[in-house]
PDB file of N, CA and C in Angstrom:
ATOM      1  N   UNK A   1     -85.184 -78.190  28.873  1.00  0.00           N
ATOM      2  CA  UNK A   1     -84.718 -77.731  27.402  1.00  0.00           C
ATOM      3  C   UNK A   1     -84.055 -75.743  27.369  1.00  0.00           C
ATOM      4  N   UNK A   2     -83.444 -75.097  27.591  1.00  0.00           N
ATOM      5  CA  UNK A   2     -84.093 -74.423  27.305  1.00  0.00           C
ATOM      6  C   UNK A   2     -82.666 -74.058  26.264  1.00  0.00           C
ATOM      7  N   UNK A   3     -83.299 -73.178  25.051  1.00  0.00           N
ATOM      8  CA  UNK A   3     -81.901 -73.169  23.651  1.00  0.00           C
ATOM      9  C   UNK A   3     -82.710 -71.903  23.764  1.00  0.00           C
ATOM     10  N   UNK A   4     -81.393 -71.435  22.837  1.00  0.00           N
ATOM     11  CA  UNK A   4     -80.455 -69.833  22.877  1.00  0.00           C
ATOM     12  C   UNK A   4     -80.226 -69.582  21.297  1.00  0.00           C
ATOM     13  N   UNK A   5     -79.740 -68.697  21.030  1.00  0.00           N
ATOM     14  CA  UNK A   5     -78.779 -68.821  19.556  1.00  0.00           C
ATOM     15  C   UNK A   5     -77.825 -67.596  20.171  1.00  0.00           C
ATOM     16  N   UNK A   6     -76.690 -67.827  18.816  1.00  0.00           N
ATOM     17  CA  UNK A   6     -75.371 -66.713  19.497  1.00  0.00           C
ATOM     18  C   UNK A   6     -75.149 -66.407  18.627  1.00  0.00           C
ATOM     19  N   UNK A   7     -74.804 -65.458  17.858  1.00  0.00           N
ATOM     20  CA  UNK A   7     -73.210 -65.633  16.829  1.00  0.00           C
ATOM     21  C   UNK A   7     -72.133 -66.084  17.286  1.00  0.00           C
ATOM     22  N   UNK A   8     -72.196 -66.801  15.909  1.00  0.00           N
ATOM     23  CA  UNK A   8     -70.746 -67.264  16.055  1.00  0.00           C
ATOM     24  C   UNK A   8     -69.183 -66.564  16.414  1.00  0.00           C
ATOM     25  N   UNK A   9     -68.762 -65.224  16.103  1.00  0.00           N
ATOM     26  CA  UNK A   9     -67.765 -64.226  16.648  1.00  0.00           C
ATOM     27  C   UNK A   9     -67.887 -63.506  17.664  1.00  0.00           C
ATOM     28  N   UNK A  10     -69.541 -64.268  18.549  1.00  0.00           N
ATOM     29  CA  UNK A  10     -69.547 -63.584  19.976  1.00  0.00           C
ATOM     30  C   UNK A  10     -69.004 -64.121  21.570  1.00  0.00           C
ATOM     31  N   UNK A  11     -67.914 -64.553  21.913  1.00  0.00           N
ATOM     32  CA  UNK A  11     -67.297 -64.852  22.386  1.00  0.00           C
ATOM     33  C   UNK A  11     -68.430 -66.033  23.519  1.00  0.00           C
ATOM     34  N   UNK A  12     -67.922 -67.224  23.923  1.00  0.00           N
ATOM     35  CA  UNK A  12     -68.426 -67.912  24.129  1.00  0.00           C
ATOM     36  C   UNK A  12     -68.599 -68.197  25.354  1.00  0.00           C
ATOM     37  N   UNK A  13     -69.378 -68.018  26.647  1.00  0.00           N
ATOM     38  CA  UNK A  13     -69.695 -68.557  28.091  1.00  0.00           C
ATOM     39  C   UNK A  13     -70.125 -70.051  28.270  1.00  0.00           C
ATOM     40  N   UNK A  14     -69.247 -70.258  29.217  1.00  0.00           N
ATOM     41  CA  UNK A  14     -70.932 -70.947  30.434  1.00  0.00           C
ATOM     42  C   UNK A  14     -71.827 -71.482  30.409  1.00  0.00           C
ATOM     43  N   UNK A  15     -72.620 -69.623  30.072  1.00  0.00           N
ATOM     44  CA  UNK A  15     -73.826 -70.155  30.404  1.00  0.00           C
ATOM     45  C   UNK A  15     -74.460 -70.706  29.055  1.00  0.00           C
ATOM     46  N   UNK A  16     -73.498 -70.507  27.511  1.00  0.00           N
ATOM     47  CA  UNK A  16     -73.886 -71.066  26.667  1.00  0.00           C
ATOM     48  C   UNK A  16     -74.455 -72.391  26.601  1.00  0.00           C
ATOM     49  N   UNK A  17     -73.546 -73.453  27.839  1.00  0.00           N
ATOM     50  CA  UNK A  17     -74.441 -75.089  27.692  1.00  0.00           C
ATOM     51  C   UNK A  17     -73.610 -75.460  26.322  1.00  0.00           C
ATOM     52  N   UNK A  18     -74.177 -76.357  25.915  1.00  0.00           N
ATOM     53  CA  UNK A  18     -74.450 -77.345  25.117  1.00  0.00           C
ATOM     54  C   UNK A  18     -73.605 -76.490  23.709  1.00  0.00           C
ATOM     55  N   UNK A  19     -72.818 -76.382  23.466  1.00  0.00           N
ATOM     56  CA  UNK A  19     -72.473 -75.599  21.711  1.00  0.00           C
ATOM     57  C   UNK A  19     -73.277 -76.599  20.362  1.00  0.00           C
ATOM     58  N   UNK A  20     -74.007 -76.131  19.593  1.00  0.00           N
ATOM     59  CA  UNK A  20     -73.900 -76.159  18.171  1.00  0.00           C
ATOM     60  C   UNK A  20     -74.106 -75.803  17.173  1.00  0.00           C
ATOM     61  N   UNK A  21     -72.996 -75.949  16.429  1.00  0.00           N
ATOM     62  CA  UNK A  21     -73.350 -74.424  15.245  1.00  0.00           C
ATOM     63  C   UNK A  21     -73.568 -75.328  14.371  1.00  0.00           C
ATOM     64  N   UNK A  22     -74.815 -73.921  13.970  1.00  0.00           N
ATOM     65  CA  UNK A  22     -76.302 -74.999  12.852  1.00  0.00           C
ATOM     66  C   UNK A  22     -74.863 -73.980  11.241  1.00  0.00           C
ATOM     67  N   UNK A  23     -73.930 -74.120  10.658  1.00  0.00           N
ATOM     68  CA  UNK A  23     -73.744 -73.050   9.249  1.00  0.00           C
ATOM     69  C   UNK A  23     -73.488 -74.609   8.535  1.00  0.00           C
ATOM     70  N   UNK A  24     -73.639 -74.571   7.081  1.00  0.00           N
ATOM     71  CA  UNK A  24     -73.403 -75.784   6.327  1.00  0.00           C
ATOM     72  C   UNK A  24     -70.885 -75.014   5.958  1.00  0.00           C
ATOM     73  N   UNK A  25     -71.306 -74.120   6.066  1.00  0.00           N
ATOM     74  CA  UNK A  25     -70.093 -73.583   6.414  1.00  0.00           C
ATOM     75  C   UNK A  25     -69.724 -73.372   7.394  1.00  0.00           C
ATOM     76  N   UNK A  26     -68.576 -73.470   7.584  1.00  0.00           N
ATOM     77  CA  UNK A  26     -66.830 -73.001   9.311  1.00  0.00           C
ATOM     78  C   UNK A  26     -66.981 -71.617   8.873  1.00  0.00           C
ATOM     79  N   UNK A  27     -67.616 -70.721   9.618  1.00  0.00           N
ATOM     80  CA  UNK A  27     -67.689 -69.411   9.691  1.00  0.00           C
ATOM     81  C   UNK A  27     -65.907 -68.941  10.024  1.00  0.00           C
ATOM     82  N   UNK A  28     -65.597 -67.841   9.085  1.00  0.00           N
ATOM     83  CA  UNK A  28     -65.011 -67.011   8.106  1.00  0.00           C
ATOM     84  C   UNK A  28     -63.574 -66.897   9.336  1.00  0.00           C
ATOM     85  N   UNK A  29     -62.869 -67.204   9.579  1.00  0.00           N
ATOM     86  CA  UNK A  29     -61.624 -66.279  10.218  1.00  0.00           C
ATOM     87  C   UNK A  29     -61.628 -67.019  12.189  1.00  0.00           C
ATOM     88  N   UNK A  30     -62.366 -68.028  12.149  1.00  0.00           N
ATOM     89  CA  UNK A  30     -62.580 -68.462  13.561  1.00  0.00           C
ATOM     90  C   UNK A  30     -62.035 -69.790  13.857  1.00  0.00           C
ATOM     91  N   UNK A  31     -61.078 -69.941  14.962  1.00  0.00           N
ATOM     92  CA  UNK A  31     -60.725 -70.966  14.852  1.00  0.00           C
ATOM     93  C   UNK A  31     -61.744 -71.697  15.528  1.00  0.00           C
ATOM     94  N   UNK A  32     -61.569 -73.489  15.455  1.00  0.00           N
ATOM     95  CA  UNK A  32     -62.140 -74.085  15.994  1.00  0.00           C
ATOM     96  C   UNK A  32     -62.061 -74.441  17.488  1.00  0.00           C
ATOM     97  N   UNK A  33     -61.016 -73.583  17.906  1.00  0.00           N
ATOM     98  CA  UNK A  33     -59.828 -74.056  19.428  1.00  0.00           C
ATOM     99  C   UNK A  33     -61.292 -72.717  19.734  1.00  0.00           C
ATOM    100  N   UNK A  34     -61.336 -71.507  19.009  1.00  0.00           N
ATOM    101  CA  UNK A  34     -61.843 -70.515  19.840  1.00  0.00           C
ATOM    102  C   UNK A  34     -63.736 -70.658  19.537  1.00  0.00           C
ATOM    103  N   UNK A  35     -63.804 -70.874  19.449  1.00  0.00           N
ATOM    104  CA  UNK A  35     -65.536 -71.750  18.814  1.00  0.00           C
ATOM    105  C   UNK A  35     -66.122 -72.309  20.473  1.00  0.00           C
ATOM    106  N   UNK A  36     -64.753 -73.197  19.974  1.00  0.00           N
ATOM    107  CA  UNK A  36     -65.856 -74.659  22.044  1.00  0.00           C
ATOM    108  C   UNK A  36     -67.184 -74.520  21.329  1.00  0.00           C
ATOM    109  N   UNK A  37     -67.183 -75.507  20.260  1.00  0.00           N
ATOM    110  CA  UNK A  37     -68.180 -75.940  19.472  1.00  0.00           C
ATOM    111  C   UNK A  37     -68.064 -77.426  20.165  1.00  0.00           C
ATOM    112  N   UNK A  38     -70.023 -77.798  20.720  1.00  0.00           N
ATOM    113  CA  UNK A  38     -69.569 -79.360  20.885  1.00  0.00           C
ATOM    114  C   UNK A  38     -70.437 -79.803  19.929  1.00  0.00           C
ATOM    115  N   UNK A  39     -70.752 -79.899  18.977  1.00  0.00           N
ATOM    116  CA  UNK A  39     -71.405 -80.707  17.741  1.00  0.00           C
ATOM    117  C   UNK A  39     -71.417 -79.756  16.528  1.00  0.00           C
ATOM    118  N   UNK A  40     -71.292 -79.898  15.396  1.00  0.00           N
ATOM    119  CA  UNK A  40     -71.512 -79.412  14.637  1.00  0.00           C
ATOM    120  C   UNK A  40     -72.351 -80.244  13.503  1.00  0.00           C
ATOM    121  N   UNK A  41     -74.271 -79.266  12.656  1.00  0.00           N
ATOM    122  CA  UNK A  41     -75.151 -79.959  12.694  1.00  0.00           C
ATOM    123  C   UNK A  41     -75.592 -79.073  11.824  1.00  0.00           C
ATOM    124  N   UNK A  42     -74.707 -79.958  10.740  1.00  0.00           N
ATOM    125  CA  UNK A  42     -74.670 -79.712   8.726  1.00  0.00           C
ATOM    126  C   UNK A  42     -75.592 -79.989   8.311  1.00  0.00           C
ATOM    127  N   UNK A  43     -76.386 -81.047   8.118  1.00  0.00           N
ATOM    128  CA  UNK A  43     -77.400 -81.905   8.207  1.00  0.00           C
ATOM    129  C   UNK A  43     -78.335 -81.224   8.686  1.00  0.00           C
ATOM    130  N   UNK A  44     -78.877 -80.384   9.181  1.00  0.00           N
ATOM    131  CA  UNK A  44     -80.308 -79.962   9.469  1.00  0.00           C
ATOM    132  C   UNK A  44     -80.354 -77.594   9.342  1.00  0.00           C
ATOM    133  N   UNK A  45     -79.230 -77.975   8.212  1.00  0.00           N
ATOM    134  CA  UNK A  45     -78.873 -76.164   8.007  1.00  0.00           C
ATOM    135  C   UNK A  45     -79.292 -75.966   6.333  1.00  0.00           C
ATOM    136  N   UNK A  46     -79.702 -74.956   6.106  1.00  0.00           N
ATOM    137  CA  UNK A  46     -80.334 -74.821   3.895  1.00  0.00           C
ATOM    138  C   UNK A  46     -79.328 -75.578   2.763  1.00  0.00           C
ATOM    139  N   UNK A  47     -79.158 -76.065   2.275  1.00  0.00           N
ATOM    140  CA  UNK A  47     -78.933 -76.247   1.473  1.00  0.00           C
ATOM    141  C   UNK A  47     -77.604 -74.862   0.778  1.00  0.00           C
ATOM    142  N   UNK A  48     -77.231 -75.552   0.238  1.00  0.00           N
ATOM    143  CA  UNK A  48     -76.091 -74.258  -0.365  1.00  0.00           C
ATOM    144  C   UNK A  48     -76.674 -73.158  -1.646  1.00  0.00           C
ATOM    145  N   UNK A  49     -77.698 -73.443  -2.609  1.00  0.00           N
ATOM    146  CA  UNK A  49     -78.543 -73.349  -3.389  1.00  0.00           C
ATOM    147  C   UNK A  49     -78.815 -71.868  -2.208  1.00  0.00           C
ATOM    148  N   UNK A  50     -79.618 -72.296  -1.897  1.00  0.00           N
ATOM    149  CA  UNK A  50     -81.060 -71.650  -0.218  1.00  0.00           C
ATOM    150  C   UNK A  50     -79.836 -70.796   0.300  1.00  0.00           C
ATOM    151  N   UNK A  51     -79.226 -70.668   0.619  1.00  0.00           N
ATOM    152  CA  UNK A  51     -78.312 -70.699   0.507  1.00  0.00           C
ATOM    153  C   UNK A  51     -76.997 -70.196   0.616  1.00  0.00           C
ATOM    154  N   UNK A  52     -77.463 -69.716  -0.937  1.00  0.00           N
ATOM    155  CA  UNK A  52     -76.947 -68.633  -1.900  1.00  0.00           C
ATOM    156  C   UNK A  52     -78.285 -67.361  -1.895  1.00  0.00           C
ATOM    157  N   UNK A  53     -78.792 -68.049  -2.205  1.00  0.00           N
ATOM    158  CA  UNK A  53     -80.116 -66.747  -2.190  1.00  0.00           C
ATOM    159  C   UNK A  53     -80.947 -65.533  -1.121  1.00  0.00           C
ATOM    160  N   UNK A  54     -80.399 -66.991  -0.172  1.00  0.00           N
ATOM    161  CA  UNK A  54     -81.201 -66.091   1.318  1.00  0.00           C
ATOM    162  C   UNK A  54     -79.678 -64.669   1.619  1.00  0.00           C
ATOM    163  N   UNK A  55     -78.980 -65.111   1.659  1.00  0.00           N
ATOM    164  CA  UNK A  55     -78.127 -64.587   1.837  1.00  0.00           C
ATOM    165  C   UNK A  55     -77.893 -62.762   0.558  1.00  0.00           C
ATOM    166  N   UNK A  56     -78.192 -62.966  -0.378  1.00  0.00           N
ATOM    167  CA  UNK A  56     -78.067 -62.671  -1.805  1.00  0.00           C
ATOM    168  C   UNK A  56     -79.532 -61.485  -1.662  1.00  0.00           C
ATOM    169  N   UNK A  57     -81.584 -61.891  -0.691  1.00  0.00           N
ATOM    170  CA  UNK A  57     -82.642 -61.610  -0.722  1.00  0.00           C
ATOM    171  C   UNK A  57     -82.339 -60.308   0.065  1.00  0.00           C
ATOM    172  N   UNK A  58     -82.887 -58.888   0.385  1.00  0.00           N
ATOM    173  CA  UNK A  58     -82.886 -58.645   1.136  1.00  0.00           C
ATOM    174  C   UNK A  58     -83.972 -58.563   1.981  1.00  0.00           C
ATOM    175  N   UNK A  59     -83.692 -58.129   3.483  1.00  0.00           N
ATOM    176  CA  UNK A  59     -84.073 -58.446   4.578  1.00  0.00           C
ATOM    177  C   UNK A  59     -85.770 -58.682   5.185  1.00  0.00           C
ATOM    178  N   UNK A  60     -86.334 -58.506   3.394  1.00  0.00           N
ATOM    179  CA  UNK A  60     -88.742 -58.280   3.269  1.00  0.00           C
ATOM    180  C   UNK A  60     -88.949 -59.716   3.152  1.00  0.00           C
ATOM    181  N   UNK A  61     -88.081 -59.610   2.171  1.00  0.00           N
ATOM    182  CA  UNK A  61     -88.187 -61.306   2.056  1.00  0.00           C
ATOM    183  C   UNK A  61     -87.678 -62.528   2.427  1.00  0.00           C
ATOM    184  N   UNK A  62     -87.337 -62.619   3.728  1.00  0.00           N
ATOM    185  CA  UNK A  62     -87.159 -63.197   4.864  1.00  0.00           C
ATOM    186  C   UNK A  62     -88.553 -64.494   4.532  1.00  0.00           C
ATOM    187  N   UNK A  63     -89.476 -63.976   5.158  1.00  0.00           N
ATOM    188  CA  UNK A  63     -90.621 -65.229   5.221  1.00  0.00           C
ATOM    189  C   UNK A  63     -89.946 -65.775   3.596  1.00  0.00           C
ATOM    190  N   UNK A  64     -89.843 -65.079   2.910  1.00  0.00           N
ATOM    191  CA  UNK A  64     -90.121 -66.499   1.722  1.00  0.00           C
ATOM    192  C   UNK A  64     -89.349 -66.877   1.601  1.00  0.00           C
ATOM    193  N   UNK A  65     -87.301 -67.354   1.987  1.00  0.00           N
ATOM    194  CA  UNK A  65     -86.893 -68.110   2.377  1.00  0.00           C
ATOM    195  C   UNK A  65     -87.629 -68.415   3.918  1.00  0.00           C
ATOM    196  N   UNK A  66     -87.629 -68.217   4.617  1.00  0.00           N
ATOM    197  CA  UNK A  66     -87.795 -69.078   5.666  1.00  0.00           C
ATOM    198  C   UNK A  66     -89.383 -70.342   5.809  1.00  0.00           C
ATOM    199  N   UNK A  67     -89.819 -69.812   4.815  1.00  0.00           N
ATOM    200  CA  UNK A  67     -91.440 -70.817   3.953  1.00  0.00           C
ATOM    201  C   UNK A  67     -90.558 -72.154   3.448  1.00  0.00           C
ATOM    202  N   UNK A  68     -89.796 -71.853   2.673  1.00  0.00           N
ATOM    203  CA  UNK A  68     -87.947 -73.162   1.878  1.00  0.00           C
ATOM    204  C   UNK A  68     -87.646 -73.801   2.706  1.00  0.00           C
ATOM    205  N   UNK A  69     -87.011 -73.382   3.796  1.00  0.00           N
ATOM    206  CA  UNK A  69     -86.450 -73.789   4.896  1.00  0.00           C
ATOM    207  C   UNK A  69     -87.102 -74.825   5.709  1.00  0.00           C
ATOM    208  N   UNK A  70     -88.172 -74.192   5.883  1.00  0.00           N
ATOM    209  CA  UNK A  70     -89.218 -75.015   6.783  1.00  0.00           C
ATOM    210  C   UNK A  70     -89.403 -76.017   5.383  1.00  0.00           C
ATOM    211  N   UNK A  71     -89.860 -75.941   4.799  1.00  0.00           N
ATOM    212  CA  UNK A  71     -90.079 -77.019   3.718  1.00  0.00           C
ATOM    213  C   UNK A  71     -88.763 -77.944   3.448  1.00  0.00           C
ATOM    214  N   UNK A  72     -87.607 -77.252   3.838  1.00  0.00           N
ATOM    215  CA  UNK A  72     -86.428 -78.014   3.895  1.00  0.00           C
ATOM    216  C   UNK A  72     -87.262 -79.293   4.268  1.00  0.00           C
ATOM    217  N   UNK A  73     -86.891 -78.733   5.660  1.00  0.00           N
ATOM    218  CA  UNK A  73     -86.947 -79.111   6.883  1.00  0.00           C
ATOM    219  C   UNK A  73     -87.675 -80.092   7.406  1.00  0.00           C
ATOM    220  N   UNK A  74     -88.168 -80.154   6.957  1.00  0.00           N
ATOM    221  CA  UNK A  74     -90.515 -81.010   7.193  1.00  0.00           C
ATOM    222  C   UNK A  74     -89.646 -82.057   5.635  1.00  0.00           C
ATOM    223  N   UNK A  75     -89.305 -81.543   5.497  1.00  0.00           N
ATOM    224  CA  UNK A  75     -88.845 -83.706   3.667  1.00  0.00           C
ATOM    225  C   UNK A  75     -87.129 -83.463   3.581  1.00  0.00           C
ATOM    226  N   UNK A  76     -86.952 -82.917   2.522  1.00  0.00           N
ATOM    227  CA  UNK A  76     -85.125 -83.343   2.830  1.00  0.00           C
ATOM    228  C   UNK A  76     -84.924 -84.012   4.587  1.00  0.00           C
ATOM    229  N   UNK A  77     -84.449 -83.202   5.433  1.00  0.00           N
ATOM    230  CA  UNK A  77     -83.670 -83.247   6.917  1.00  0.00           C
ATOM    231  C   UNK A  77     -84.420 -83.831   7.134  1.00  0.00           C
ATOM    232  N   UNK A  78     -86.042 -83.761   7.372  1.00  0.00           N
ATOM    233  CA  UNK A  78     -86.469 -84.294   8.531  1.00  0.00           C
ATOM    234  C   UNK A  78     -86.355 -84.961   9.867  1.00  0.00           C
ATOM    235  N   UNK A  79     -85.815 -86.672   8.880  1.00  0.00           N
ATOM    236  CA  UNK A  79     -85.019 -87.070  10.453  1.00  0.00           C
ATOM    237  C   UNK A  79     -83.196 -86.403  10.942  1.00  0.00           C
ATOM    238  N   UNK A  80     -82.986 -86.133   9.483  1.00  0.00           N
ATOM    239  CA  UNK A  80     -81.717 -85.046  10.572  1.00  0.00           C
ATOM    240  C   UNK A  80     -82.029 -84.434  11.403  1.00  0.00           C
ATOM    241  N   UNK A  81     -83.383 -83.587  11.812  1.00  0.00           N
ATOM    242  CA  UNK A  81     -83.578 -82.412  12.501  1.00  0.00           C
ATOM    243  C   UNK A  81     -84.623 -83.633  14.023  1.00  0.00           C
ATOM    244  N   UNK A  82     -85.266 -84.203  13.668  1.00  0.00           N
ATOM    245  CA  UNK A  82     -85.466 -85.643  14.545  1.00  0.00           C
ATOM    246  C   UNK A  82     -84.517 -86.216  15.278  1.00  0.00           C
ATOM    247  N   UNK A  83     -83.326 -86.369  15.114  1.00  0.00           N
ATOM    248  CA  UNK A  83     -82.070 -86.668  15.080  1.00  0.00           C
ATOM    249  C   UNK A  83     -81.668 -86.186  16.299  1.00  0.00           C
ATOM    250  N   UNK A  84     -81.376 -84.345  15.374  1.00  0.00           N
ATOM    251  CA  UNK A  84     -81.049 -83.043  16.485  1.00  0.00           C
ATOM    252  C   UNK A  84     -81.342 -83.564  17.841  1.00  0.00           C
ATOM    253  N   UNK A  85     -83.359 -82.751  17.538  1.00  0.00           N
ATOM    254  CA  UNK A  85     -83.572 -82.601  18.792  1.00  0.00           C
ATOM    255  C   UNK A  85     -83.297 -83.797  19.323  1.00  0.00           C
ATOM    256  N   UNK A  86     -83.580 -85.019  19.133  1.00  0.00           N
ATOM    257  CA  UNK A  86     -83.852 -85.478  20.820  1.00  0.00           C
ATOM    258  C   UNK A  86     -81.523 -86.034  20.852  1.00  0.00           C
ATOM    259  N   UNK A  87     -80.914 -85.122  20.353  1.00  0.00           N
ATOM    260  CA  UNK A  87     -79.857 -85.098  21.176  1.00  0.00           C
ATOM    261  C   UNK A  87     -79.377 -84.117  21.905  1.00  0.00           C
ATOM    262  N   UNK A  88     -80.153 -83.154  21.445  1.00  0.00           N
ATOM    263  CA  UNK A  88     -80.551 -82.308  21.825  1.00  0.00           C
ATOM    264  C   UNK A  88     -81.310 -81.621  23.616  1.00  0.00           C
ATOM    265  N   UNK A  89     -82.453 -82.876  24.074  1.00  0.00           N
ATOM    266  CA  UNK A  89     -82.940 -83.246  25.298  1.00  0.00           C
ATOM    267  C   UNK A  89     -82.359 -83.579  25.960  1.00  0.00           C
ATOM    268  N   UNK A  90     -81.715 -83.649  25.699  1.00  0.00           N
ATOM    269  CA  UNK A  90     -80.047 -84.419  26.905  1.00  0.00           C
ATOM    270  C   UNK A  90     -79.054 -83.284  27.574  1.00  0.00           C
ATOM    271  N   UNK A  91     -79.412 -82.452  26.765  1.00  0.00           N
ATOM    272  CA  UNK A  91     -78.817 -80.805  27.526  1.00  0.00           C
ATOM    273  C   UNK A  91     -79.555 -80.405  27.864  1.00  0.00           C
ATOM    274  N   UNK A  92     -79.403 -80.032  28.742  1.00  0.00           N
ATOM    275  CA  UNK A  92     -80.695 -78.608  29.499  1.00  0.00           C
ATOM    276  C   UNK A  92     -80.375 -76.440  29.265  1.00  0.00           C
ATOM    277  N   UNK A  93     -79.386 -76.490  28.581  1.00  0.00           N
ATOM    278  CA  UNK A  93     -78.837 -75.487  28.113  1.00  0.00           C
ATOM    279  C   UNK A  93     -77.176 -75.780  26.567  1.00  0.00           C
ATOM    280  N   UNK A  94     -78.772 -75.139  25.442  1.00  0.00           N
ATOM    281  CA  UNK A  94     -78.057 -75.321  24.403  1.00  0.00           C
ATOM    282  C   UNK A  94     -78.384 -74.143  23.382  1.00  0.00           C
ATOM    283  N   UNK A  95     -77.599 -73.749  23.423  1.00  0.00           N
ATOM    284  CA  UNK A  95     -77.350 -72.080  21.867  1.00  0.00           C
ATOM    285  C   UNK A  95     -76.053 -72.559  20.941  1.00  0.00           C
ATOM    286  N   UNK A  96     -77.985 -72.069  19.594  1.00  0.00           N
ATOM    287  CA  UNK A  96     -77.838 -72.709  18.521  1.00  0.00           C
ATOM    288  C   UNK A  96     -76.191 -71.377  18.058  1.00  0.00           C
ATOM    289  N   UNK A  97     -75.081 -71.833  17.091  1.00  0.00           N
ATOM    290  CA  UNK A  97     -74.254 -71.056  16.998  1.00  0.00           C
ATOM    291  C   UNK A  97     -73.691 -71.192  15.815  1.00  0.00           C
ATOM    292  N   UNK A  98     -74.282 -69.531  14.942  1.00  0.00           N
ATOM    293  CA  UNK A  98     -73.781 -69.475  13.810  1.00  0.00           C
ATOM    294  C   UNK A  98     -73.405 -67.926  13.604  1.00  0.00           C
ATOM    295  N   UNK A  99     -73.228 -68.097  12.002  1.00  0.00           N
ATOM    296  CA  UNK A  99     -72.067 -66.426  11.693  1.00  0.00           C
ATOM    297  C   UNK A  99     -73.141 -65.795  11.250  1.00  0.00           C
ATOM    298  N   UNK A 100     -73.860 -66.088  10.146  1.00  0.00           N
ATOM    299  CA  UNK A 100     -74.935 -64.760   9.462  1.00  0.00           C
ATOM    300  C   UNK A 100     -74.783 -63.044  10.804  1.00  0.00           C
ATOM    301  N   UNK A 101     -74.937 -61.881   9.927  1.00  0.00           N
ATOM    302  CA  UNK A 101     -74.064 -60.433  10.648  1.00  0.00           C
ATOM    303  C   UNK A 101     -75.692 -60.370  10.874  1.00  0.00           C
ATOM    304  N   UNK A 102     -77.085 -60.811  10.640  1.00  0.00           N
ATOM    305  CA  UNK A 102     -78.338 -60.137  10.719  1.00  0.00           C
ATOM    306  C   UNK A 102     -79.020 -61.349  11.930  1.00  0.00           C
ATOM    307  N   UNK A 103     -78.655 -60.557  12.912  1.00  0.00           N
ATOM    308  CA  UNK A 103     -79.408 -61.622  14.737  1.00  0.00           C
ATOM    309  C   UNK A 103     -81.105 -61.619  13.958  1.00  0.00           C
ATOM    310  N   UNK A 104     -81.931 -61.170  13.272  1.00  0.00           N
ATOM    311  CA  UNK A 104     -82.967 -61.181  13.428  1.00  0.00           C
ATOM    312  C   UNK A 104     -83.857 -61.261  12.330  1.00  0.00           C
ATOM    313  N   UNK A 105     -82.660 -62.004  10.849  1.00  0.00           N
ATOM    314  CA  UNK A 105     -83.790 -62.240   9.998  1.00  0.00           C
ATOM    315  C   UNK A 105     -81.804 -63.111   9.019  1.00  0.00           C
ATOM    316  N   UNK A 106     -82.302 -64.510   9.321  1.00  0.00           N
ATOM    317  CA  UNK A 106     -82.005 -65.851   8.970  1.00  0.00           C
ATOM    318  C   UNK A 106     -82.065 -66.986   9.621  1.00  0.00           C
ATOM    319  N   UNK A 107     -81.365 -68.160   9.450  1.00  0.00           N
ATOM    320  CA  UNK A 107     -82.248 -69.100   9.313  1.00  0.00           C
ATOM    321  C   UNK A 107     -81.951 -69.588  10.634  1.00  0.00           C
ATOM    322  N   UNK A 108     -80.958 -69.729  11.523  1.00  0.00           N
ATOM    323  CA  UNK A 108     -81.526 -70.359  12.856  1.00  0.00           C
ATOM    324  C   UNK A 108     -82.950 -69.522  13.378  1.00  0.00           C
ATOM    325  N   UNK A 109     -82.814 -68.662  13.173  1.00  0.00           N
ATOM    326  CA  UNK A 109     -84.434 -68.937  13.741  1.00  0.00           C
ATOM    327  C   UNK A 109     -85.432 -69.451  13.660  1.00  0.00           C
ATOM    328  N   UNK A 110     -85.879 -69.919  12.528  1.00  0.00           N
ATOM    329  CA  UNK A 110     -86.796 -70.290  12.296  1.00  0.00           C
ATOM    330  C   UNK A 110     -86.256 -72.471  12.367  1.00  0.00           C
ATOM    331  N   UNK A 111     -84.559 -73.087  12.388  1.00  0.00           N
ATOM    332  CA  UNK A 111     -84.803 -73.661  12.801  1.00  0.00           C
ATOM    333  C   UNK A 111     -85.287 -73.639  13.988  1.00  0.00           C
ATOM    334  N   UNK A 112     -85.080 -73.249  15.345  1.00  0.00           N
ATOM    335  CA  UNK A 112     -84.789 -72.813  16.493  1.00  0.00           C
ATOM    336  C   UNK A 112     -86.260 -72.886  17.148  1.00  0.00           C
ATOM    337  N   UNK A 113     -87.231 -72.964  16.019  1.00  0.00           N
ATOM    338  CA  UNK A 113     -88.762 -73.309  15.935  1.00  0.00           C
ATOM    339  C   UNK A 113     -88.760 -74.060  15.634  1.00  0.00           C
ATOM    340  N   UNK A 114     -88.254 -74.560  14.831  1.00  0.00           N
ATOM    341  CA  UNK A 114     -88.626 -75.761  14.198  1.00  0.00           C
ATOM    342  C   UNK A 114     -88.562 -77.012  15.782  1.00  0.00           C
ATOM    343  N   UNK A 115     -87.305 -77.065  16.281  1.00  0.00           N
ATOM    344  CA  UNK A 115     -86.630 -77.651  17.441  1.00  0.00           C
ATOM    345  C   UNK A 115     -88.044 -77.426  18.612  1.00  0.00           C
ATOM    346  N   UNK A 116     -88.048 -76.385  18.553  1.00  0.00           N
ATOM    347  CA  UNK A 116     -89.507 -76.221  20.009  1.00  0.00           C
ATOM    348  C   UNK A 116     -90.270 -76.897  19.266  1.00  0.00           C
ATOM    349  N   UNK A 117     -90.972 -76.835  17.554  1.00  0.00           N
ATOM    350  CA  UNK A 117     -91.904 -77.758  17.507  1.00  0.00           C
ATOM    351  C   UNK A 117     -91.383 -79.165  18.516  1.00  0.00           C
ATOM    352  N   UNK A 118     -90.382 -79.678  17.538  1.00  0.00           N
ATOM    353  CA  UNK A 118     -90.624 -80.818  18.396  1.00  0.00           C
ATOM    354  C   UNK A 118     -89.994 -81.560  20.115  1.00  0.00           C
ATOM    355  N   UNK A 119     -89.992 -79.783  20.384  1.00  0.00           N
ATOM    356  CA  UNK A 119     -89.762 -80.043  22.406  1.00  0.00           C
ATOM    357  C   UNK A 119     -91.585 -81.375  22.724  1.00  0.00           C
ATOM    358  N   UNK A 120     -90.951 -82.407  23.908  1.00  0.00           N
ATOM    359  CA  UNK A 120     -91.970 -83.533  24.622  1.00  0.00           C
ATOM    360  C   UNK A 120     -92.628 -81.374  24.718  1.00  0.00           C
TER     361      UNK A 120
END
C-alpha cells in the first residue's frame, strides 16, 4: 500500500486513491462534496484535550505531543487503529487527509508511522 498525506484544502486528485479524513472535526469551510472523502476515521484521531493542547503548543514541543498520541494509539485506540490498517490494506493508494496548517508537526505524521508499523 502506498500511504500518502495531503491537506484537506488541497485539490483532490485521482492519484490520491482512497481518501481518509483523519481529523476529529470536519475541516472548516470545506464542503463534503468538494472534499471527496471516502472514509472519516475519527476513532484514531487525538482526543479533544490532546488536540487542543497540541494546537496551542509551539512546534518545538512536537515530540511531547507525538509521544502522548502514540500512547493513545497504543492503548485507547489500538483496536480502532488495527481496524483502520486492515481496511486500508485493501487499497493500493491511500491518502490521509487532514486540516492542520503545519505539514511537518501534526498528528498525521504519527498516525502514518503507526499504520506503517502495522503493515505486513
